N, C-alpha and C. Protein backbone atom coordinates (compact mmCIF):
# COMPACT_ATOMS: atom_id res chain seq x y z
N MET A 1 53.26 -34.23 -35.80
CA MET A 1 53.27 -35.67 -35.78
C MET A 1 54.27 -36.12 -34.72
N THR A 2 53.91 -37.16 -34.01
CA THR A 2 54.76 -37.75 -32.99
C THR A 2 54.88 -39.24 -33.26
N TYR A 3 56.04 -39.80 -32.98
CA TYR A 3 56.26 -41.23 -33.20
C TYR A 3 56.52 -41.93 -31.88
N PHE A 4 56.01 -43.14 -31.76
CA PHE A 4 56.29 -44.03 -30.63
C PHE A 4 56.63 -45.38 -31.23
N THR A 5 57.76 -45.95 -30.87
CA THR A 5 58.22 -47.17 -31.51
C THR A 5 58.44 -48.27 -30.48
N GLY A 6 57.81 -49.40 -30.70
CA GLY A 6 58.02 -50.58 -29.87
C GLY A 6 59.23 -51.35 -30.39
N GLU A 7 59.85 -52.11 -29.52
CA GLU A 7 61.05 -52.85 -29.91
C GLU A 7 60.72 -54.09 -30.73
N ASN A 8 59.58 -54.71 -30.44
CA ASN A 8 59.18 -55.89 -31.21
C ASN A 8 57.75 -56.27 -30.86
N THR A 9 57.22 -57.22 -31.62
CA THR A 9 55.89 -57.72 -31.31
C THR A 9 56.02 -58.89 -30.36
N GLY A 10 54.95 -59.12 -29.63
CA GLY A 10 54.93 -60.22 -28.67
C GLY A 10 54.00 -61.31 -29.14
N ARG A 11 53.22 -61.82 -28.22
CA ARG A 11 52.30 -62.91 -28.52
C ARG A 11 51.18 -62.45 -29.45
N VAL A 12 50.59 -63.41 -30.14
CA VAL A 12 49.42 -63.17 -30.97
C VAL A 12 48.26 -63.91 -30.31
N HIS A 13 47.14 -63.20 -30.11
CA HIS A 13 45.98 -63.79 -29.45
C HIS A 13 44.81 -63.82 -30.42
N LEU A 14 44.10 -64.94 -30.45
CA LEU A 14 42.88 -65.07 -31.23
C LEU A 14 41.73 -65.23 -30.25
N LEU A 15 40.79 -64.30 -30.30
CA LEU A 15 39.63 -64.34 -29.41
C LEU A 15 38.44 -64.90 -30.18
N HIS A 16 37.72 -65.79 -29.53
CA HIS A 16 36.50 -66.37 -30.11
C HIS A 16 35.34 -65.94 -29.22
N LEU A 17 34.52 -65.03 -29.70
CA LEU A 17 33.37 -64.54 -28.96
C LEU A 17 32.11 -65.24 -29.45
N THR A 18 31.14 -65.41 -28.54
CA THR A 18 29.91 -66.10 -28.90
C THR A 18 28.69 -65.28 -28.49
N ASN A 19 27.54 -65.86 -28.70
CA ASN A 19 26.24 -65.22 -28.51
C ASN A 19 26.15 -64.37 -27.24
N GLY A 20 25.89 -63.07 -27.43
CA GLY A 20 25.69 -62.15 -26.32
C GLY A 20 26.94 -61.48 -25.82
N ASP A 21 28.12 -61.93 -26.26
CA ASP A 21 29.36 -61.30 -25.81
C ASP A 21 29.44 -59.86 -26.30
N ASP A 22 29.89 -58.98 -25.44
CA ASP A 22 30.13 -57.58 -25.75
C ASP A 22 31.57 -57.45 -26.25
N ILE A 23 31.75 -56.87 -27.42
CA ILE A 23 33.08 -56.79 -28.04
C ILE A 23 34.08 -56.07 -27.13
N ILE A 24 33.75 -54.87 -26.70
CA ILE A 24 34.68 -54.06 -25.90
C ILE A 24 34.97 -54.75 -24.56
N LYS A 25 33.93 -55.17 -23.86
CA LYS A 25 34.12 -55.83 -22.55
C LYS A 25 34.95 -57.10 -22.70
N SER A 26 34.71 -57.86 -23.76
CA SER A 26 35.44 -59.11 -23.97
C SER A 26 36.92 -58.85 -24.22
N ILE A 27 37.23 -57.84 -25.01
CA ILE A 27 38.63 -57.52 -25.28
C ILE A 27 39.31 -57.01 -24.01
N ARG A 28 38.62 -56.15 -23.25
CA ARG A 28 39.17 -55.69 -21.97
C ARG A 28 39.48 -56.87 -21.05
N GLN A 29 38.53 -57.80 -20.94
CA GLN A 29 38.70 -58.96 -20.07
C GLN A 29 39.88 -59.81 -20.53
N ALA A 30 39.96 -60.05 -21.84
CA ALA A 30 41.06 -60.86 -22.37
C ALA A 30 42.40 -60.17 -22.10
N CYS A 31 42.45 -58.87 -22.28
CA CYS A 31 43.70 -58.13 -22.03
C CYS A 31 44.10 -58.24 -20.56
N ALA A 32 43.14 -58.12 -19.66
CA ALA A 32 43.42 -58.24 -18.23
C ALA A 32 43.92 -59.64 -17.89
N GLU A 33 43.25 -60.66 -18.39
CA GLU A 33 43.61 -62.05 -18.08
C GLU A 33 44.96 -62.44 -18.70
N LEU A 34 45.25 -61.90 -19.89
CA LEU A 34 46.48 -62.26 -20.60
C LEU A 34 47.64 -61.32 -20.32
N GLY A 35 47.37 -60.21 -19.62
CA GLY A 35 48.42 -59.24 -19.32
C GLY A 35 48.81 -58.38 -20.51
N VAL A 36 47.89 -58.15 -21.43
CA VAL A 36 48.17 -57.31 -22.60
C VAL A 36 47.96 -55.85 -22.23
N LYS A 37 49.01 -55.06 -22.29
CA LYS A 37 48.93 -53.63 -22.02
C LYS A 37 48.84 -52.82 -23.32
N THR A 38 49.67 -53.20 -24.30
CA THR A 38 49.72 -52.50 -25.58
C THR A 38 49.58 -53.52 -26.70
N GLY A 39 48.70 -53.24 -27.66
CA GLY A 39 48.50 -54.18 -28.75
C GLY A 39 47.81 -53.55 -29.94
N ILE A 40 47.74 -54.34 -30.98
CA ILE A 40 47.08 -53.93 -32.21
C ILE A 40 46.00 -54.96 -32.53
N VAL A 41 44.76 -54.50 -32.67
CA VAL A 41 43.69 -55.38 -33.12
C VAL A 41 43.80 -55.38 -34.65
N THR A 42 44.25 -56.51 -35.19
CA THR A 42 44.52 -56.57 -36.62
C THR A 42 43.33 -56.99 -37.45
N SER A 43 42.36 -57.67 -36.81
CA SER A 43 41.16 -58.04 -37.56
C SER A 43 40.04 -58.40 -36.59
N GLY A 44 38.84 -58.29 -37.08
CA GLY A 44 37.65 -58.69 -36.35
C GLY A 44 36.53 -58.92 -37.33
N ILE A 45 35.93 -60.10 -37.27
CA ILE A 45 34.81 -60.44 -38.15
C ILE A 45 33.79 -61.22 -37.33
N GLY A 46 32.54 -61.19 -37.76
CA GLY A 46 31.54 -61.97 -37.06
C GLY A 46 30.13 -61.49 -37.33
N SER A 47 29.19 -62.03 -36.57
CA SER A 47 27.79 -61.65 -36.69
C SER A 47 27.38 -60.84 -35.46
N LEU A 48 26.48 -59.90 -35.66
CA LEU A 48 26.05 -59.00 -34.59
C LEU A 48 24.54 -59.06 -34.39
N ARG A 49 24.13 -58.77 -33.16
CA ARG A 49 22.71 -58.61 -32.87
C ARG A 49 22.41 -57.22 -32.32
N ARG A 50 23.46 -56.51 -31.95
CA ARG A 50 23.31 -55.13 -31.47
C ARG A 50 24.55 -54.35 -31.91
N MET A 51 24.32 -53.21 -32.55
CA MET A 51 25.40 -52.35 -33.01
C MET A 51 25.38 -51.07 -32.19
N VAL A 52 26.45 -50.81 -31.47
CA VAL A 52 26.57 -49.59 -30.68
C VAL A 52 27.85 -48.91 -31.12
N TYR A 53 27.71 -47.70 -31.64
CA TYR A 53 28.87 -47.00 -32.20
C TYR A 53 28.64 -45.49 -32.18
N HIS A 54 29.71 -44.76 -32.48
CA HIS A 54 29.56 -43.32 -32.67
C HIS A 54 30.44 -42.88 -33.83
N TYR A 55 30.05 -41.76 -34.41
CA TYR A 55 30.83 -41.16 -35.49
C TYR A 55 30.85 -39.65 -35.30
N THR A 56 31.86 -39.02 -35.90
CA THR A 56 32.01 -37.57 -35.79
C THR A 56 31.13 -36.90 -36.83
N ASP A 57 30.48 -35.82 -36.41
CA ASP A 57 29.53 -35.14 -37.29
C ASP A 57 29.72 -33.62 -37.25
N ALA A 58 30.97 -33.17 -37.33
CA ALA A 58 31.20 -31.72 -37.29
C ALA A 58 32.57 -31.38 -37.86
N LEU A 59 32.64 -30.25 -38.51
CA LEU A 59 33.91 -29.69 -38.96
C LEU A 59 34.22 -28.47 -38.10
N THR A 60 34.12 -28.65 -36.81
CA THR A 60 34.29 -27.56 -35.86
C THR A 60 35.52 -27.80 -34.99
N GLU A 61 35.90 -26.77 -34.25
CA GLU A 61 37.04 -26.89 -33.34
C GLU A 61 36.78 -27.96 -32.28
N GLN A 62 35.60 -27.95 -31.71
CA GLN A 62 35.22 -28.96 -30.71
C GLN A 62 34.57 -30.15 -31.42
N PRO A 63 34.93 -31.37 -31.03
CA PRO A 63 34.32 -32.54 -31.66
C PRO A 63 32.84 -32.67 -31.31
N LYS A 64 32.07 -33.19 -32.25
CA LYS A 64 30.66 -33.47 -32.03
C LYS A 64 30.41 -34.91 -32.49
N ASP A 65 30.04 -35.77 -31.54
CA ASP A 65 29.82 -37.17 -31.85
C ASP A 65 28.33 -37.49 -31.88
N VAL A 66 27.95 -38.35 -32.81
CA VAL A 66 26.60 -38.87 -32.87
C VAL A 66 26.67 -40.32 -32.41
N HIS A 67 25.88 -40.65 -31.40
CA HIS A 67 25.87 -42.01 -30.83
C HIS A 67 24.67 -42.79 -31.37
N VAL A 68 24.92 -44.05 -31.75
CA VAL A 68 23.89 -44.90 -32.32
C VAL A 68 23.86 -46.21 -31.53
N ASP A 69 22.66 -46.68 -31.23
CA ASP A 69 22.46 -47.96 -30.55
C ASP A 69 21.32 -48.66 -31.28
N LYS A 70 21.64 -49.70 -32.08
CA LYS A 70 20.64 -50.39 -32.90
C LYS A 70 20.59 -51.86 -32.55
N ASN A 71 19.40 -52.35 -32.27
CA ASN A 71 19.18 -53.78 -32.17
C ASN A 71 18.85 -54.25 -33.57
N ALA A 72 19.84 -54.83 -34.23
CA ALA A 72 19.67 -55.27 -35.61
C ALA A 72 20.64 -56.39 -35.90
N ILE A 73 20.18 -57.38 -36.65
CA ILE A 73 21.06 -58.46 -37.08
C ILE A 73 21.95 -57.93 -38.18
N GLY A 74 23.23 -58.24 -38.09
CA GLY A 74 24.16 -57.76 -39.11
C GLY A 74 25.48 -58.48 -39.03
N GLU A 75 26.41 -58.00 -39.82
CA GLU A 75 27.74 -58.58 -39.88
C GLU A 75 28.78 -57.55 -39.46
N LEU A 76 29.76 -58.03 -38.71
CA LEU A 76 30.96 -57.26 -38.44
C LEU A 76 31.90 -57.61 -39.59
N VAL A 77 31.98 -56.71 -40.56
CA VAL A 77 32.71 -57.00 -41.80
C VAL A 77 34.21 -56.90 -41.57
N CYS A 78 34.63 -55.89 -40.83
CA CYS A 78 36.04 -55.74 -40.50
C CYS A 78 36.15 -54.82 -39.28
N MET A 79 37.21 -55.04 -38.49
CA MET A 79 37.44 -54.21 -37.32
C MET A 79 38.93 -54.18 -37.06
N GLN A 80 39.42 -53.02 -36.68
CA GLN A 80 40.82 -52.89 -36.31
C GLN A 80 40.95 -51.79 -35.28
N GLY A 81 42.10 -51.73 -34.64
CA GLY A 81 42.30 -50.69 -33.65
C GLY A 81 43.56 -50.89 -32.85
N ILE A 82 43.62 -50.14 -31.76
CA ILE A 82 44.80 -50.12 -30.89
C ILE A 82 44.35 -50.36 -29.47
N ILE A 83 45.19 -51.04 -28.72
CA ILE A 83 44.96 -51.25 -27.29
C ILE A 83 46.08 -50.56 -26.54
N LEU A 84 45.73 -49.62 -25.68
CA LEU A 84 46.70 -48.93 -24.84
C LEU A 84 46.28 -49.05 -23.39
N GLU A 85 47.19 -49.46 -22.54
CA GLU A 85 46.90 -49.67 -21.12
C GLU A 85 45.71 -50.63 -20.93
N GLY A 86 45.61 -51.61 -21.84
CA GLY A 86 44.55 -52.60 -21.78
C GLY A 86 43.19 -52.11 -22.26
N GLU A 87 43.12 -50.90 -22.76
CA GLU A 87 41.85 -50.30 -23.20
C GLU A 87 41.78 -50.26 -24.74
N PRO A 88 40.79 -50.94 -25.34
CA PRO A 88 40.69 -50.94 -26.80
C PRO A 88 40.08 -49.66 -27.37
N HIS A 89 40.61 -49.22 -28.49
CA HIS A 89 40.04 -48.14 -29.31
C HIS A 89 39.88 -48.74 -30.70
N LEU A 90 38.61 -49.00 -31.07
CA LEU A 90 38.33 -49.78 -32.27
C LEU A 90 37.43 -49.04 -33.25
N HIS A 91 37.67 -49.27 -34.51
CA HIS A 91 36.78 -48.80 -35.57
C HIS A 91 36.38 -50.01 -36.41
N ALA A 92 35.17 -49.97 -36.94
CA ALA A 92 34.66 -51.14 -37.65
C ALA A 92 33.69 -50.75 -38.75
N MET A 93 33.44 -51.71 -39.62
CA MET A 93 32.40 -51.63 -40.63
C MET A 93 31.37 -52.68 -40.27
N PHE A 94 30.09 -52.25 -40.19
CA PHE A 94 28.98 -53.14 -39.89
C PHE A 94 28.02 -53.11 -41.07
N THR A 95 27.40 -54.25 -41.38
CA THR A 95 26.30 -54.25 -42.34
C THR A 95 25.06 -54.75 -41.63
N GLU A 96 23.93 -54.20 -42.02
CA GLU A 96 22.66 -54.72 -41.51
C GLU A 96 22.25 -55.90 -42.39
N ALA A 97 21.25 -56.64 -41.94
CA ALA A 97 20.80 -57.85 -42.64
C ALA A 97 20.67 -57.59 -44.13
N GLY A 98 21.22 -58.49 -44.91
CA GLY A 98 21.17 -58.36 -46.37
C GLY A 98 22.39 -57.65 -46.93
N GLY A 99 23.08 -56.89 -46.12
CA GLY A 99 24.31 -56.23 -46.54
C GLY A 99 24.14 -54.94 -47.33
N GLU A 100 22.90 -54.49 -47.55
CA GLU A 100 22.70 -53.28 -48.34
C GLU A 100 23.02 -52.00 -47.56
N ILE A 101 22.91 -52.05 -46.24
CA ILE A 101 23.18 -50.88 -45.41
C ILE A 101 24.47 -51.11 -44.66
N CYS A 102 25.40 -50.16 -44.77
CA CYS A 102 26.71 -50.30 -44.15
C CYS A 102 26.98 -49.11 -43.23
N HIS A 103 27.56 -49.38 -42.06
CA HIS A 103 27.92 -48.34 -41.11
C HIS A 103 29.40 -48.49 -40.78
N GLY A 104 30.12 -47.40 -40.80
CA GLY A 104 31.52 -47.42 -40.39
C GLY A 104 31.70 -46.42 -39.27
N ALA A 105 32.26 -46.87 -38.14
CA ALA A 105 32.33 -45.97 -37.00
C ALA A 105 33.20 -46.54 -35.89
N HIS A 106 33.25 -45.79 -34.79
CA HIS A 106 33.96 -46.14 -33.56
C HIS A 106 33.09 -47.10 -32.76
N VAL A 107 33.63 -48.27 -32.42
CA VAL A 107 32.88 -49.29 -31.69
C VAL A 107 32.75 -48.88 -30.22
N GLU A 108 31.54 -48.99 -29.69
CA GLU A 108 31.27 -48.63 -28.30
C GLU A 108 30.89 -49.87 -27.49
N GLU A 109 31.00 -49.76 -26.19
CA GLU A 109 30.54 -50.82 -25.30
C GLU A 109 29.05 -51.05 -25.56
N GLY A 110 28.64 -52.32 -25.55
CA GLY A 110 27.26 -52.67 -25.82
C GLY A 110 27.08 -53.34 -27.17
N CYS A 111 28.11 -53.31 -28.02
CA CYS A 111 28.07 -53.95 -29.33
C CYS A 111 28.15 -55.47 -29.09
N GLU A 112 27.06 -56.20 -29.43
CA GLU A 112 26.95 -57.61 -29.05
C GLU A 112 26.99 -58.57 -30.23
N ILE A 113 27.58 -59.71 -29.97
CA ILE A 113 27.72 -60.77 -30.96
C ILE A 113 26.42 -61.58 -31.03
N GLN A 114 26.04 -61.98 -32.24
CA GLN A 114 24.89 -62.86 -32.42
C GLN A 114 25.31 -64.33 -32.33
N TYR A 115 26.17 -64.78 -33.23
CA TYR A 115 26.58 -66.18 -33.24
C TYR A 115 28.04 -66.34 -32.83
N LEU A 116 28.92 -65.68 -33.56
CA LEU A 116 30.34 -65.74 -33.21
C LEU A 116 31.08 -64.57 -33.81
N ALA A 117 32.23 -64.30 -33.23
CA ALA A 117 33.16 -63.31 -33.78
C ALA A 117 34.56 -63.81 -33.52
N GLU A 118 35.45 -63.51 -34.44
CA GLU A 118 36.86 -63.88 -34.31
C GLU A 118 37.68 -62.61 -34.39
N ILE A 119 38.50 -62.39 -33.38
CA ILE A 119 39.27 -61.15 -33.26
C ILE A 119 40.73 -61.52 -33.02
N SER A 120 41.64 -60.85 -33.73
CA SER A 120 43.07 -61.10 -33.52
C SER A 120 43.73 -59.87 -32.90
N ILE A 121 44.61 -60.15 -31.94
CA ILE A 121 45.35 -59.09 -31.24
C ILE A 121 46.83 -59.46 -31.28
N VAL A 122 47.66 -58.51 -31.70
CA VAL A 122 49.11 -58.68 -31.68
C VAL A 122 49.65 -57.76 -30.59
N GLU A 123 50.35 -58.33 -29.62
CA GLU A 123 50.95 -57.51 -28.57
C GLU A 123 52.15 -56.74 -29.12
N VAL A 124 52.39 -55.56 -28.56
CA VAL A 124 53.58 -54.78 -28.88
C VAL A 124 54.40 -54.68 -27.61
N ALA A 125 55.62 -55.18 -27.67
CA ALA A 125 56.47 -55.21 -26.49
C ALA A 125 57.23 -53.89 -26.31
N ASN A 126 57.44 -53.53 -25.07
CA ASN A 126 58.27 -52.38 -24.71
C ASN A 126 57.82 -51.08 -25.37
N LEU A 127 56.52 -50.85 -25.33
CA LEU A 127 55.97 -49.60 -25.86
C LEU A 127 54.99 -49.04 -24.82
N PRO A 128 55.49 -48.36 -23.79
CA PRO A 128 54.64 -47.86 -22.71
C PRO A 128 53.92 -46.57 -23.10
N VAL A 129 52.85 -46.73 -23.86
CA VAL A 129 52.10 -45.58 -24.36
C VAL A 129 50.67 -45.64 -23.82
N GLY A 130 50.11 -44.48 -23.49
CA GLY A 130 48.73 -44.40 -23.06
C GLY A 130 48.05 -43.22 -23.73
N ARG A 131 46.76 -43.08 -23.51
CA ARG A 131 46.01 -41.94 -24.04
C ARG A 131 45.82 -40.93 -22.93
N ARG A 132 46.02 -39.66 -23.26
CA ARG A 132 45.84 -38.59 -22.29
C ARG A 132 45.12 -37.43 -22.97
N ALA A 133 44.21 -36.80 -22.24
CA ALA A 133 43.50 -35.63 -22.78
C ALA A 133 44.47 -34.49 -22.95
N LYS A 134 44.32 -33.77 -24.03
CA LYS A 134 45.14 -32.59 -24.27
C LYS A 134 44.23 -31.38 -24.42
N LYS A 135 44.14 -30.87 -25.63
CA LYS A 135 43.42 -29.62 -25.86
C LYS A 135 41.91 -29.76 -25.69
N TYR A 136 41.34 -30.87 -26.12
CA TYR A 136 39.90 -31.04 -26.08
C TYR A 136 39.53 -32.05 -25.01
N GLY A 137 38.41 -31.84 -24.38
CA GLY A 137 37.98 -32.74 -23.33
C GLY A 137 37.71 -34.16 -23.79
N THR A 138 37.24 -34.34 -25.03
CA THR A 138 36.90 -35.68 -25.50
C THR A 138 37.95 -36.27 -26.42
N VAL A 139 38.95 -35.50 -26.80
CA VAL A 139 39.98 -36.00 -27.70
C VAL A 139 41.24 -36.28 -26.90
N THR A 140 41.77 -37.49 -27.06
CA THR A 140 42.98 -37.86 -26.34
C THR A 140 44.12 -38.07 -27.32
N HIS A 141 45.33 -38.02 -26.80
CA HIS A 141 46.52 -38.18 -27.61
C HIS A 141 47.46 -39.16 -26.92
N PHE A 142 48.34 -39.77 -27.70
CA PHE A 142 49.31 -40.69 -27.14
C PHE A 142 50.34 -39.93 -26.32
N GLU A 143 50.76 -40.54 -25.22
CA GLU A 143 51.87 -40.05 -24.42
C GLU A 143 52.59 -41.24 -23.84
N LEU A 144 53.89 -41.10 -23.65
CA LEU A 144 54.65 -42.13 -22.94
C LEU A 144 54.18 -42.15 -21.50
N ILE A 145 54.08 -43.34 -20.92
CA ILE A 145 53.65 -43.45 -19.53
C ILE A 145 54.74 -44.10 -18.69
């Protein structure tokens, strides 16, 4: 286990996404425009028209991801994650229409909003951390930058 500690939190940003907005691209754009390098996505809720995500499907040394791309109306029930070097790493729970089917996974680019989504980001000040590949080609770890 390794620890990285920021000195304090900074600004709090509330993002309002609308029809057709891509979650990942929108957060990247907001981070670039607002100068957010390191942050915590504390919540995300909204409606979806396209769910793009991946999940791990192996108990092996090398990771094996299953990628899913569904055009389906649903809800973004909850989302959280970390932003390092302006790049979001998010996990979420999605439900398909009616709420009977639920998916929990890593959010990928292409995940689109139907009507609206509300996302909160808390900046972390003085925490120069990024992701770097270590042992596995697809698995990254935190490092001071």
